Amino acid sequence: MFRPFLLTLLLLLTGVVAAHAQIEATDCAYTCNSESLCSRWCTDGGVESNCGNSGACNPDPDVDGLDYYMDNCPYDYNPDQADCDGDGWGDVCDSEDATYVIVEARNCWIRNRLHAWGSDTTWYSEVRYQDTSTCGSPDKWAKWTEDKRDCVGNYDTYSCCVSKWGAQSCYNYGVRTCHF
């Protein structure tokens, strides 16, 4: 068995120039092929490993039966390769198992504040995202817009709201129904 430092020494002594980084790379395909077992050693995440028949250093790091290049979660055990949202990352290592689309947008609050110089009114709206994949992830709400308007010299916050957004919009003046 060759260790990386012995292999580097051997390559340098024989006139073959090889960068140390290449020897420690996770892909050993330059020395292995599918017909022959690779006898060189390489390092994958600090673990020395034989390249094996696949040409990859530590060909199955998570030992789930799928080689690194065929595995949708190469470092997490997942022999079923489940990928409910179809994004190419397996469910066990996917940080967001969902495919979200906007299904609803609504106005949710008008905040009015009194200041020494007058008042201001801010209109908030939000959107609801729904998962369209087979993952079954819950809906998510998020702030969509925030539009602030000043009413300099106007100390009546309701009339400020009406002057900027209209009476119909200010009907539920001050009632917050936002999810954020």
Protein backbone atom coordinates (compact mmCIF):
# COMPACT_ATOMS: atom_id res chain seq x y z
CA MET A 1 0.00 0.00 0.00
CA PHE A 2 1.27 3.46 -0.89
CA ARG A 3 0.58 6.38 1.38
CA PRO A 4 0.21 9.86 -0.21
CA PHE A 5 3.67 11.05 0.90
CA LEU A 6 5.37 7.89 -0.43
CA LEU A 7 3.45 8.17 -3.67
CA THR A 8 4.48 11.82 -4.04
CA LEU A 9 8.12 10.87 -3.43
CA LEU A 10 7.89 8.03 -5.97
CA LEU A 11 6.31 10.31 -8.60
CA LEU A 12 8.95 13.00 -8.07
CA LEU A 13 11.82 10.48 -8.22
CA THR A 14 10.52 9.00 -11.47
CA GLY A 15 10.19 12.45 -13.05
CA VAL A 16 6.40 12.52 -12.98
CA VAL A 17 5.14 15.88 -11.80
CA ALA A 18 2.03 15.68 -9.69
CA ALA A 19 0.58 18.24 -7.36
CA HIS A 20 -0.05 17.06 -3.81
CA ALA A 21 -3.63 18.37 -4.10
CA GLN A 22 -4.28 15.96 -6.98
CA ILE A 23 -3.21 13.02 -4.87
CA GLU A 24 -5.58 14.01 -2.08
CA ALA A 25 -8.50 14.76 -4.42
CA THR A 26 -11.70 12.75 -4.01
CA ASP A 27 -11.60 11.71 -7.68
CA CYS A 28 -8.87 9.18 -8.48
CA ALA A 29 -10.14 8.47 -12.02
CA TYR A 30 -6.78 9.48 -13.50
CA THR A 31 -5.27 6.31 -12.03
CA CYS A 32 -8.22 3.89 -12.02
CA ASN A 33 -10.62 2.41 -14.53
CA SER A 34 -13.53 -0.02 -14.37
CA GLU A 35 -11.40 -3.03 -15.45
CA SER A 36 -8.61 -2.74 -12.88
CA LEU A 37 -8.55 -2.28 -9.15
CA CYS A 38 -6.78 0.93 -8.25
CA SER A 39 -3.82 0.41 -5.97
CA ARG A 40 -3.25 4.08 -5.16
CA TRP A 41 -4.48 5.68 -2.01
CA CYS A 42 -6.20 9.02 -1.74
CA THR A 43 -7.87 11.06 0.97
CA ASP A 44 -11.58 11.82 1.16
CA GLY A 45 -12.59 14.11 4.01
CA GLY A 46 -9.43 13.23 5.91
CA VAL A 47 -10.03 9.48 5.62
CA GLU A 48 -7.51 7.48 3.61
CA SER A 49 -9.17 5.14 1.18
CA ASN A 50 -8.47 2.97 -1.83
CA CYS A 51 -9.97 4.18 -5.09
CA GLY A 52 -11.64 0.86 -5.76
CA ASN A 53 -13.19 -0.17 -9.07
CA SER A 54 -15.28 2.99 -9.48
CA GLY A 55 -12.28 5.31 -9.89
CA ALA A 56 -13.50 7.44 -7.02
CA CYS A 57 -11.76 7.78 -3.71
CA ASN A 58 -13.93 5.98 -1.16
CA PRO A 59 -16.49 5.08 -3.83
CA ASP A 60 -19.38 4.70 -1.36
CA PRO A 61 -18.70 7.01 1.63
CA ASP A 62 -22.12 6.42 3.22
CA VAL A 63 -22.07 2.64 2.57
CA ASP A 64 -25.59 2.55 1.11
CA GLY A 65 -24.67 0.53 -1.98
CA LEU A 66 -24.47 3.44 -4.44
CA ASP A 67 -21.19 4.90 -5.63
CA TYR A 68 -20.48 8.55 -4.92
CA TYR A 69 -21.33 9.78 -8.43
CA MET A 70 -24.65 7.92 -8.54
CA ASP A 71 -25.77 8.79 -4.99
CA ASN A 72 -28.09 11.77 -4.41
CA CYS A 73 -26.76 12.04 -0.82
CA PRO A 74 -23.22 10.69 -1.03
CA TYR A 75 -22.40 11.23 2.65
CA ASP A 76 -25.78 10.22 4.16
CA TYR A 77 -27.08 6.65 4.20
CA ASN A 78 -30.12 6.48 1.88
CA PRO A 79 -30.31 3.27 -0.14
CA ASP A 80 -33.82 4.13 -1.43
CA GLN A 81 -32.59 7.44 -2.98
CA ALA A 82 -35.93 9.11 -2.10
CA ASP A 83 -36.23 12.64 -3.52
CA CYS A 84 -39.81 13.81 -2.96
CA ASP A 85 -39.31 17.28 -4.48
CA GLY A 86 -37.33 16.07 -7.51
CA ASP A 87 -34.47 18.56 -7.07
CA GLY A 88 -31.73 15.93 -7.33
CA TRP A 89 -30.88 15.95 -3.61
CA GLY A 90 -32.08 13.01 -1.52
CA ASP A 91 -34.58 13.65 1.25
CA VAL A 92 -32.14 12.77 4.05
CA CYS A 93 -29.70 15.55 3.09
CA ASP A 94 -32.05 18.09 1.46
CA SER A 95 -32.42 21.21 3.60
CA GLU A 96 -35.81 22.04 2.04
CA ASP A 97 -37.91 19.10 0.95
CA ALA A 98 -40.50 21.05 -0.97
CA THR A 99 -41.24 22.80 -4.22
CA TYR A 100 -43.01 25.99 -3.18
CA VAL A 101 -45.22 28.16 -5.38
CA ILE A 102 -47.21 31.27 -4.44
CA VAL A 103 -50.90 30.43 -4.11
CA GLU A 104 -52.22 33.52 -2.36
CA ALA A 105 -51.27 37.15 -1.87
CA ARG A 106 -53.20 39.45 0.43
CA ASN A 107 -53.04 42.71 2.29
CA CYS A 108 -52.79 42.03 5.98
CA TRP A 109 -52.14 45.21 7.94
CA ILE A 110 -52.02 48.95 7.79
CA ARG A 111 -49.91 50.33 10.60
CA ASN A 112 -50.39 53.97 11.50
CA ARG A 113 -48.06 55.89 13.79
CA LEU A 114 -48.16 59.37 15.27
CA HIS A 115 -44.98 61.48 15.24
CA ALA A 116 -44.00 64.99 16.36
CA TRP A 117 -44.07 66.09 12.69
CA GLY A 118 -47.38 64.37 11.80
CA SER A 119 -48.16 60.73 11.12
CA ASP A 120 -47.30 57.90 8.79
CA THR A 121 -49.09 54.88 7.45
CA THR A 122 -47.50 51.65 6.27
CA TRP A 123 -49.24 49.05 4.12
CA TYR A 124 -48.17 45.41 4.52
CA SER A 125 -49.02 42.46 2.32
CA GLU A 126 -48.05 38.81 2.54
CA VAL A 127 -48.00 35.71 0.39
CA ARG A 128 -48.72 32.08 1.11
CA TYR A 129 -46.42 29.46 -0.40
CA GLN A 130 -47.70 25.92 -0.92
CA ASP A 131 -45.66 22.78 -1.54
CA THR A 132 -46.56 21.23 -4.90
CA SER A 133 -44.26 18.22 -4.52
CA THR A 134 -45.08 14.89 -2.92
CA CYS A 135 -43.15 15.89 0.22
CA GLY A 136 -46.20 17.21 2.06
CA SER A 137 -44.37 20.20 3.58
CA PRO A 138 -46.59 22.74 5.36
CA ASP A 139 -47.58 26.07 3.81
CA LYS A 140 -45.36 29.05 4.55
CA TRP A 141 -46.32 32.72 4.87
CA ALA A 142 -43.90 35.54 4.17
CA LYS A 143 -43.96 39.33 4.10
CA TRP A 144 -44.32 40.43 0.50
CA THR A 145 -44.41 44.23 0.47
CA GLU A 146 -44.09 47.12 2.84
CA ASP A 147 -45.06 50.55 1.56
CA LYS A 148 -44.68 53.53 3.93
CA ARG A 149 -46.24 56.94 3.32
CA ASP A 150 -45.83 60.08 5.44
CA CYS A 151 -48.53 62.61 6.28
CA VAL A 152 -46.51 65.63 7.37
CA GLY A 153 -48.63 67.99 9.47
CA ASN A 154 -51.55 65.51 9.71
CA TYR A 155 -51.90 64.27 13.30
CA ASP A 156 -55.00 62.14 12.67
CA THR A 157 -53.66 58.69 11.81
CA TYR A 158 -56.99 57.46 10.40
CA SER A 159 -57.32 60.40 8.01
CA CYS A 160 -53.67 59.86 7.03
CA CYS A 161 -54.55 56.25 6.18
CA VAL A 162 -57.62 57.30 4.15
CA SER A 163 -55.67 60.00 2.29
CA LYS A 164 -53.01 57.49 1.23
CA TRP A 165 -54.93 54.21 0.77
CA GLY A 166 -58.63 55.11 0.55
CA ALA A 167 -61.53 54.58 2.97
CA GLN A 168 -62.24 51.00 1.85
CA SER A 169 -58.67 49.94 2.57
CA CYS A 170 -58.70 51.56 6.00
CA TYR A 171 -61.99 49.93 7.02
CA ASN A 172 -60.26 47.52 9.42
CA TYR A 173 -57.88 50.25 10.47
CA GLY A 174 -55.25 48.92 12.87
CA VAL A 175 -56.33 45.26 12.71
CA ARG A 176 -53.34 43.05 12.04
CA THR A 177 -54.01 39.73 10.31
CA CYS A 178 -50.46 39.01 9.11
CA HIS A 179 -48.77 35.67 9.71
CA PHE A 180 -45.27 37.17 9.95
